[in-house]
Amino acid sequence: MAKRDYYEILGVNKSATADEIKSAYRKKAIQYHPDKNPDDKEAEEKFKEAAEAYDVLSNPEKRRRYDQFGHAGVGSSAAGGGYSGGGMSMDDIFEQFGDLFGGHFGGFGSFGGFGNRSRGGGRTVQRGSDLRVKVKLNLKEIAHGVEKKIKVNKYVACTTCHGSGAADDKSVATCQTCRGNGYVTRVSNTILGQMQTQSVCPTCGGQGKTIINKCHVCNGEGVILDDEVISINIPAGVMEGMQLSVRGKGNAARRGGMNGDLLVLIEEEQDKELIRDENDLIYSLLLTVPQAMLGDTVEVPTVEGRAKVRIEAGTQPDKVLRLRGKGLPSVNGYGTGDLLVNVSVYIPEVLSSDEKAKIRQMQSSPNFQPNQSIKDKIFNKFRNLVS
């Protein structure tokens, strides 16, 4: 399923100001806030969707990359593909943007404040940490997109206790400190009267349960270190420095909960012959003097192999030949770049006596003397370069 446009999600146009984007996000967040829509999965997803959109559009650099490359430009595939622009959890949303709500829901009710996503009476859901890997791609892989399989050493759920951390089902008991709620309530007397506050249970860490007998394999942690081979589908057109996020493929959380994400940083291998410029490719073609004067048919490299190019007689140095559609695809699916062949001409540095004599004979020919229009053309080109 394709991801929705971030501007569409917030209901603003592409020229919206930072204040307009902030105001639009606040309205959406209040509309779909979990406290206002308890046990409503659809509302929760829209709440996350709006937060992801705001995370990108409120950041000038992320917004620029999104406007230029679409979802893939901010770490997501243009066609969905299992990637998420931010992979934001409820913890992330409340921690980063909670102040925008202005206390509208009294501390976010059952969610227990910023940074602690709750489930079932306020119990904290643990989240595993994210993993970061680098993937190096050549031009052909970038041109077509590629599936990469990488081996990652990470925390996975313990297969003996299935992530619970307990030796068996009887080894898990309800926390006596919080009575299974995951939080404790304290009442204090102030000059304004009694004040009631809630905080994460110090005994069970917000899980509502304690372990009597720990699993002998993971020592009660619920996770162990192991290798996992992960398949990553990388879309065509990605660029150096882009980051893709594969949800749920990071470290497993202690004693159950949500896995972290796998963050994939794109690196490009330098090609031996082609230079990348956005979606265009550049090749420097070196001709001999006879080839430039008489014309020729030469081969130039492309992403797919080789292509024949006709060199017209009298081709000048620095002439650029354009092979349309022989570049790289746009990461957001809008068109393909070109292959630009920049012509240079090799002037021999050493000549024999016979060669020098022949050139001196040609030098007196009018065809070897540049006319005024040629001089003007070269001068104007130079002026444009320095201005």
Protein backbone atom coordinates (compact mmCIF):
# COMPACT_ATOMS: atom_id res chain seq x y z
CA MET A 1 0.00 0.00 0.00
CA ALA A 2 1.42 3.38 -1.04
CA LYS A 3 2.08 5.92 1.68
CA ARG A 4 -0.09 9.04 1.64
CA ASP A 5 1.31 12.45 0.82
CA TYR A 6 2.38 14.28 3.99
CA TYR A 7 0.78 17.55 2.90
CA GLU A 8 -2.48 15.70 2.26
CA ILE A 9 -2.35 14.07 5.69
CA LEU A 10 -2.14 17.45 7.45
CA GLY A 11 -4.53 19.13 5.00
CA VAL A 12 -2.11 21.88 3.92
CA ASN A 13 -0.72 22.90 0.55
CA LYS A 14 2.95 22.70 -0.42
CA SER A 15 3.48 26.42 0.15
CA ALA A 16 2.26 26.26 3.78
CA THR A 17 4.31 28.15 6.36
CA ALA A 18 5.87 26.54 9.43
CA ASP A 19 3.12 28.01 11.64
CA GLU A 20 0.38 26.68 9.34
CA ILE A 21 1.92 23.21 9.42
CA LYS A 22 2.20 23.32 13.21
CA SER A 23 -1.42 24.45 13.61
CA ALA A 24 -2.68 21.77 11.18
CA TYR A 25 -0.79 19.04 13.02
CA ARG A 26 -2.11 20.14 16.40
CA LYS A 27 -5.71 19.91 15.11
CA LYS A 28 -5.14 16.43 13.71
CA ALA A 29 -3.37 15.27 16.87
CA ILE A 30 -6.22 16.47 19.08
CA GLN A 31 -8.78 14.88 16.76
CA TYR A 32 -7.14 11.44 16.83
CA HIS A 33 -5.53 11.53 20.27
CA PRO A 34 -5.68 8.10 22.01
CA ASP A 35 -7.33 9.56 25.13
CA LYS A 36 -10.15 10.90 22.98
CA ASN A 37 -10.41 7.66 20.98
CA PRO A 38 -9.76 4.80 23.43
CA ASP A 39 -9.26 1.34 21.88
CA ASP A 40 -9.66 2.79 18.38
CA LYS A 41 -6.86 1.32 16.26
CA GLU A 42 -7.76 3.39 13.20
CA ALA A 43 -7.57 6.63 15.18
CA GLU A 44 -4.24 5.54 16.67
CA GLU A 45 -2.80 4.92 13.19
CA LYS A 46 -4.00 8.34 11.99
CA PHE A 47 -2.45 9.89 15.10
CA LYS A 48 0.90 8.27 14.23
CA GLU A 49 0.50 9.19 10.56
CA ALA A 50 -0.01 12.87 11.40
CA ALA A 51 3.01 12.83 13.73
CA GLU A 52 5.19 11.30 11.02
CA ALA A 53 4.05 13.95 8.54
CA TYR A 54 4.75 16.76 11.03
CA ASP A 55 8.16 15.30 11.90
CA VAL A 56 9.19 15.71 8.25
CA LEU A 57 7.42 18.93 7.25
CA SER A 58 8.42 20.86 10.40
CA ASN A 59 12.11 20.20 9.68
CA PRO A 60 13.42 22.43 6.84
CA GLU A 61 16.04 19.93 5.65
CA LYS A 62 13.69 16.93 5.79
CA ARG A 63 11.00 18.95 4.04
CA ARG A 64 13.43 19.92 1.25
CA ARG A 65 14.42 16.29 0.73
CA TYR A 66 10.79 15.17 0.80
CA ASP A 67 9.78 17.82 -1.74
CA GLN A 68 12.62 16.67 -4.02
CA PHE A 69 12.61 12.88 -3.58
CA GLY A 70 9.23 12.02 -2.02
CA HIS A 71 9.01 9.46 0.79
CA ALA A 72 12.30 7.77 -0.10
CA GLY A 73 14.09 11.08 0.37
CA VAL A 74 13.30 10.97 4.11
CA GLY A 75 13.99 7.29 4.61
CA SER A 76 10.98 5.57 3.09
CA SER A 77 10.15 3.83 -0.13
CA ALA A 78 7.93 5.64 -2.60
CA ALA A 79 5.84 2.52 -2.90
CA GLY A 80 5.62 1.62 0.75
CA GLY A 81 7.76 -1.51 0.63
CA GLY A 82 7.86 -1.92 4.39
CA TYR A 83 9.68 1.31 5.08
CA SER A 84 8.61 4.07 7.37
CA GLY A 85 9.70 7.67 7.21
CA GLY A 86 10.21 7.83 10.95
CA GLY A 87 9.03 4.53 12.41
CA MET A 88 7.57 6.62 15.22
CA SER A 89 6.13 4.95 18.30
CA MET A 90 3.73 6.57 20.76
CA ASP A 91 6.74 7.15 23.02
CA ASP A 92 8.51 9.08 20.26
CA ILE A 93 5.45 11.21 19.50
CA PHE A 94 4.75 12.25 23.08
CA GLU A 95 8.41 12.82 23.84
CA GLN A 96 9.07 15.00 20.76
CA PHE A 97 5.78 16.79 20.21
CA GLY A 98 3.82 16.51 23.45
CA ASP A 99 4.19 20.20 24.26
CA LEU A 100 2.16 21.10 21.16
CA PHE A 101 -1.03 19.81 22.76
CA GLY A 102 -0.89 22.36 25.54
CA GLY A 103 -2.02 19.91 28.22
CA HIS A 104 -5.27 19.38 26.32
CA PHE A 105 -5.74 15.92 27.73
CA GLY A 106 -4.43 16.33 31.23
CA GLY A 107 -1.11 14.54 30.88
CA PHE A 108 -2.42 12.13 28.26
CA GLY A 109 -4.46 10.01 30.63
CA SER A 110 -3.83 6.29 30.33
CA PHE A 111 -0.62 6.85 28.43
CA GLY A 112 1.05 7.86 31.67
CA GLY A 113 2.91 10.91 30.43
CA PHE A 114 5.64 11.44 27.87
CA GLY A 115 7.95 8.67 26.78
CA ASN A 116 5.98 5.75 28.19
CA ARG A 117 3.56 4.04 25.92
CA SER A 118 1.04 2.15 28.02
CA ARG A 119 -1.13 -0.85 27.45
CA GLY A 120 -3.82 -2.35 29.64
CA GLY A 121 -4.11 -0.13 32.71
CA GLY A 122 -0.94 1.86 32.25
CA ARG A 123 1.63 -0.92 31.86
CA THR A 124 4.72 0.22 30.00
CA VAL A 125 5.50 -1.45 26.70
CA GLN A 126 9.23 -1.89 26.27
CA ARG A 127 10.79 -1.07 22.90
CA GLY A 128 14.01 -2.53 21.59
CA SER A 129 16.74 -0.22 20.38
CA ASP A 130 17.30 0.56 16.72
CA LEU A 131 20.15 -0.90 14.72
CA ARG A 132 22.13 0.96 12.05
CA VAL A 133 23.84 -0.65 9.10
CA LYS A 134 25.49 0.63 5.93
CA VAL A 135 24.73 -0.87 2.52
CA LYS A 136 27.03 -0.15 -0.41
CA LEU A 137 25.47 -0.11 -3.91
CA ASN A 138 26.89 0.15 -7.41
CA LEU A 139 25.26 2.19 -10.19
CA LYS A 140 23.47 -0.80 -11.71
CA GLU A 141 21.88 -1.69 -8.36
CA ILE A 142 20.85 1.94 -7.90
CA ALA A 143 19.38 2.04 -11.40
CA HIS A 144 17.12 -0.98 -10.94
CA GLY A 145 16.64 -1.28 -7.18
CA VAL A 146 17.91 -4.36 -5.42
CA GLU A 147 17.22 -6.83 -2.63
CA LYS A 148 20.14 -7.10 -0.24
CA LYS A 149 20.51 -9.84 2.36
CA ILE A 150 22.67 -8.94 5.33
CA LYS A 151 23.60 -10.84 8.46
CA VAL A 152 23.07 -8.83 11.65
CA ASN A 153 24.12 -9.76 15.16
CA LYS A 154 21.37 -8.45 17.42
CA TYR A 155 19.12 -9.17 20.39
CA VAL A 156 16.32 -11.59 19.57
CA ALA A 157 13.60 -13.10 21.74
CA CYS A 158 14.88 -16.02 23.82
CA THR A 159 13.61 -19.25 22.24
CA THR A 160 13.55 -21.05 25.58
CA CYS A 161 11.21 -18.69 27.45
CA HIS A 162 9.74 -17.10 24.28
CA GLY A 163 10.82 -13.68 25.49
CA SER A 164 9.11 -13.74 28.88
CA GLY A 165 12.30 -14.09 30.91
CA ALA A 166 10.64 -16.63 33.21
CA ALA A 167 11.58 -20.30 33.66
CA ASP A 168 7.92 -21.31 33.20
CA ASP A 169 4.40 -19.91 33.37
CA LYS A 170 4.28 -20.37 37.14
CA SER A 171 7.38 -18.22 37.58
CA VAL A 172 5.54 -15.01 36.66
CA ALA A 173 3.56 -13.22 39.37
CA THR A 174 1.58 -10.02 39.62
CA CYS A 175 3.70 -7.21 41.00
CA GLN A 176 2.71 -6.61 44.63
CA THR A 177 3.89 -3.01 44.62
CA CYS A 178 1.59 -1.78 41.85
CA ARG A 179 -0.87 -4.73 41.91
CA GLY A 180 -0.31 -5.31 38.22
CA ASN A 181 -1.06 -1.73 37.09
CA GLY A 182 2.49 -0.88 36.08
CA TYR A 183 2.36 2.42 37.93
CA VAL A 184 2.05 3.67 41.46
CA THR A 185 -0.09 6.54 42.68
CA ARG A 186 1.09 8.98 45.33
CA VAL A 187 -1.00 11.57 47.16
CA SER A 188 0.71 14.59 48.70
CA ASN A 189 -0.66 17.55 50.65
CA THR A 190 0.14 21.00 49.30
CA ILE A 191 -1.07 24.51 50.01
CA LEU A 192 -3.51 24.00 47.16
CA GLY A 193 -4.86 20.80 48.66
CA GLN A 194 -4.16 17.18 47.91
CA MET A 195 -2.26 16.46 44.71
CA GLN A 196 -2.24 13.02 43.07
CA THR A 197 0.66 11.91 40.84
CA GLN A 198 1.45 8.70 39.01
CA SER A 199 4.83 7.23 38.14
CA VAL A 200 6.26 4.01 36.77
CA CYS A 201 6.40 1.25 39.34
CA PRO A 202 9.97 1.02 40.68
CA THR A 203 9.66 -2.72 41.34
CA CYS A 204 8.49 -4.07 37.98
CA GLY A 205 9.55 -1.17 35.78
CA GLY A 206 6.01 -0.61 34.54
CA GLN A 207 5.35 -4.17 33.36
CA GLY A 208 2.92 -5.09 36.14
CA LYS A 209 4.60 -8.46 36.67
CA THR A 210 7.66 -9.82 38.43
CA ILE A 211 9.68 -12.96 37.75
CA ILE A 212 10.14 -15.47 40.54
CA ASN A 213 12.36 -17.98 38.71
CA LYS A 214 14.42 -16.62 35.83
CA CYS A 215 15.00 -18.40 32.54
CA HIS A 216 18.41 -20.11 32.76
CA VAL A 217 19.27 -19.25 29.12
CA CYS A 218 18.65 -15.49 29.08
CA ASN A 219 18.91 -14.96 32.85
CA GLY A 220 15.50 -13.32 32.96
CA GLU A 221 16.18 -10.75 30.26
CA GLY A 222 13.94 -12.38 27.66
CA VAL A 223 16.48 -11.69 24.90
CA ILE A 224 19.71 -13.27 23.67
CA LEU A 225 22.33 -12.26 21.12
CA ASP A 226 22.06 -14.12 17.84
CA ASP A 227 22.61 -13.69 14.11
CA GLU A 228 19.71 -13.00 11.76
CA VAL A 229 19.74 -12.72 7.98
CA ILE A 230 17.52 -9.81 6.95
CA SER A 231 16.29 -9.05 3.43
CA ILE A 232 16.19 -5.36 2.54
CA ASN A 233 14.33 -4.17 -0.54
CA ILE A 234 16.04 -1.00 -1.73
CA PRO A 235 14.11 1.13 -4.26
CA ALA A 236 15.65 2.39 -7.49
CA GLY A 237 17.16 5.87 -7.53
CA VAL A 238 18.41 6.09 -3.94
CA MET A 239 21.34 8.40 -3.25
CA GLU A 240 24.41 8.57 -1.05
CA GLY A 241 23.41 9.43 2.53
CA MET A 242 19.74 8.42 2.27
CA GLN A 243 18.44 6.38 5.18
CA LEU A 244 15.76 3.70 4.94
CA SER A 245 13.95 2.32 7.96
CA VAL A 246 12.84 -1.32 8.11
CA ARG A 247 10.30 -1.61 10.89
CA GLY A 248 10.64 -4.29 13.53
CA LYS A 249 14.05 -5.56 12.43
CA GLY A 250 16.07 -3.91 15.18
CA ASN A 251 16.83 -5.30 18.64
CA ALA A 252 14.09 -7.20 20.46
CA ALA A 253 12.77 -5.63 23.66
CA ARG A 254 13.42 -7.13 27.09
CA ARG A 255 10.61 -9.41 28.24
CA GLY A 256 8.37 -8.85 25.26
CA GLY A 257 7.28 -5.58 23.68
CA MET A 258 8.09 -3.99 20.36
CA ASN A 259 11.22 -4.58 18.34
CA GLY A 260 13.30 -1.61 17.33
CA ASP A 261 13.89 -0.71 13.68
CA LEU A 262 16.76 -1.42 11.32
CA LEU A 263 18.10 1.85 9.89
CA VAL A 264 19.84 1.37 6.55
CA LEU A 265 22.30 4.06 5.42
CA ILE A 266 22.95 4.11 1.68
CA GLU A 267 26.52 4.32 0.37
CA GLU A 268 27.45 4.53 -3.32
CA GLU A 269 30.43 2.78 -4.84
CA GLN A 270 32.41 5.11 -7.07
CA ASP A 271 32.18 3.92 -10.67
CA LYS A 272 35.43 3.65 -12.62
CA GLU A 273 34.09 5.57 -15.62
CA LEU A 274 30.79 7.30 -14.79
CA ILE A 275 30.21 10.19 -12.41
CA ARG A 276 26.78 10.76 -10.86
CA ASP A 277 25.15 14.21 -10.78
CA GLU A 278 21.71 13.83 -9.19
CA ASN A 279 19.91 11.59 -11.73
CA ASP A 280 22.30 12.33 -14.60
CA LEU A 281 25.50 10.43 -15.35
CA ILE A 282 28.61 12.10 -16.78
CA TYR A 283 31.31 10.50 -18.91
CA SER A 284 34.51 12.19 -20.07
CA LEU A 285 35.23 11.13 -23.65
CA LEU A 286 38.81 11.70 -24.86
CA LEU A 287 39.15 11.97 -28.67
CA THR A 288 42.26 12.11 -30.81
CA VAL A 289 42.78 15.14 -33.05
CA PRO A 290 41.92 13.14 -36.21
CA GLN A 291 38.72 11.82 -34.59
CA ALA A 292 37.62 15.34 -33.65
CA MET A 293 38.45 16.72 -37.10
CA LEU A 294 37.17 13.87 -39.31
CA GLY A 295 34.42 12.40 -37.12
CA ASP A 296 34.11 8.81 -35.90
CA THR A 297 31.85 6.28 -34.16
CA VAL A 298 32.94 5.50 -30.61
CA GLU A 299 31.61 3.49 -27.67
CA VAL A 300 30.81 4.99 -24.29
CA PRO A 301 29.93 3.18 -21.04
CA THR A 302 26.38 3.15 -19.67
CA VAL A 303 24.78 1.55 -16.63
CA GLU A 304 23.74 -1.41 -18.80
CA GLY A 305 26.98 -1.84 -20.79
CA ARG A 306 28.20 0.10 -23.84
CA ALA A 307 26.49 2.41 -26.34
CA LYS A 308 27.71 3.65 -29.73
CA VAL A 309 27.92 7.42 -30.25
CA ARG A 310 28.45 9.21 -33.55
CA ILE A 311 31.08 11.95 -33.43
CA GLU A 312 30.46 14.60 -36.05
CA ALA A 313 33.37 16.00 -38.06
CA GLY A 314 34.69 19.20 -36.53
CA THR A 315 33.58 18.37 -32.98
CA GLN A 316 35.01 20.95 -30.59
CA PRO A 317 36.51 20.28 -27.13
CA ASP A 318 34.01 20.67 -24.25
CA LYS A 319 31.07 19.80 -26.49
CA VAL A 320 28.45 17.86 -24.49
CA LEU A 321 26.56 15.00 -26.12
CA ARG A 322 23.29 14.02 -24.38
CA LEU A 323 22.01 10.44 -24.39
CA ARG A 324 18.47 10.84 -23.10
CA GLY A 325 17.13 8.31 -20.62
CA LYS A 326 20.53 6.68 -20.08
CA GLY A 327 20.93 8.09 -16.56
CA LEU A 328 19.34 6.99 -13.27
CA PRO A 329 15.66 6.92 -12.32
CA SER A 330 14.21 9.45 -9.92
CA VAL A 331 13.73 7.94 -6.48
CA ASN A 332 10.14 9.21 -6.37
CA GLY A 333 9.33 7.66 -9.74
CA TYR A 334 9.28 10.84 -11.84
CA GLY A 335 11.39 10.27 -14.94
CA THR A 336 14.97 9.17 -15.65
CA GLY A 337 18.14 11.21 -16.00
CA ASP A 338 20.45 11.41 -19.01
CA LEU A 339 24.00 10.36 -19.82
CA LEU A 340 26.10 13.47 -20.59
CA VAL A 341 29.22 12.79 -22.66
CA ASN A 342 31.74 15.59 -22.19
CA VAL A 343 34.18 15.70 -25.12
CA SER A 344 37.89 16.37 -24.65
CA VAL A 345 40.56 16.29 -27.35
CA TYR A 346 44.04 14.91 -26.75
CA ILE A 347 46.84 17.12 -28.08
CA PRO A 348 50.07 15.11 -28.59
CA GLU A 349 52.92 16.27 -26.40
CA VAL A 350 55.72 14.74 -28.50
CA LEU A 351 55.92 14.87 -32.32
CA SER A 352 58.42 13.52 -34.83
CA SER A 353 60.08 15.78 -37.42
CA ASP A 354 57.83 14.46 -40.18
CA GLU A 355 54.70 15.05 -38.11
CA LYS A 356 55.75 18.60 -37.33
CA ALA A 357 56.39 19.30 -40.99
CA LYS A 358 52.95 18.03 -42.02
CA ILE A 359 51.25 20.13 -39.34
CA ARG A 360 53.12 23.26 -40.43
CA GLN A 361 51.87 22.68 -43.95
CA MET A 362 48.27 22.44 -42.69
CA GLN A 363 48.69 25.45 -40.43
CA SER A 364 48.72 27.82 -43.38
CA SER A 365 45.38 26.50 -44.66
CA PRO A 366 42.38 28.83 -44.03
CA ASN A 367 40.42 25.87 -42.60
CA PHE A 368 42.86 25.73 -39.69
CA GLN A 369 42.28 29.37 -38.76
CA PRO A 370 39.31 30.11 -36.41
CA ASN A 371 36.92 32.70 -37.81
CA GLN A 372 35.42 35.56 -35.81
CA SER A 373 32.19 33.71 -34.96
CA ILE A 374 34.18 30.87 -33.41
CA LYS A 375 36.23 33.36 -31.38
CA ASP A 376 33.06 35.10 -30.17
CA LYS A 377 31.47 31.80 -29.22
CA ILE A 378 34.49 30.76 -27.13
CA PHE A 379 34.71 34.18 -25.49
CA ASN A 380 31.01 34.19 -24.54
CA LYS A 381 31.31 30.70 -23.13
CA PHE A 382 34.26 31.78 -20.99
CA ARG A 383 32.41 34.93 -19.84
CA ASN A 384 29.44 32.81 -18.73
CA LEU A 385 31.74 30.57 -16.71
CA VAL A 386 33.34 33.41 -14.73
CA SER A 387 30.26 35.60 -14.30
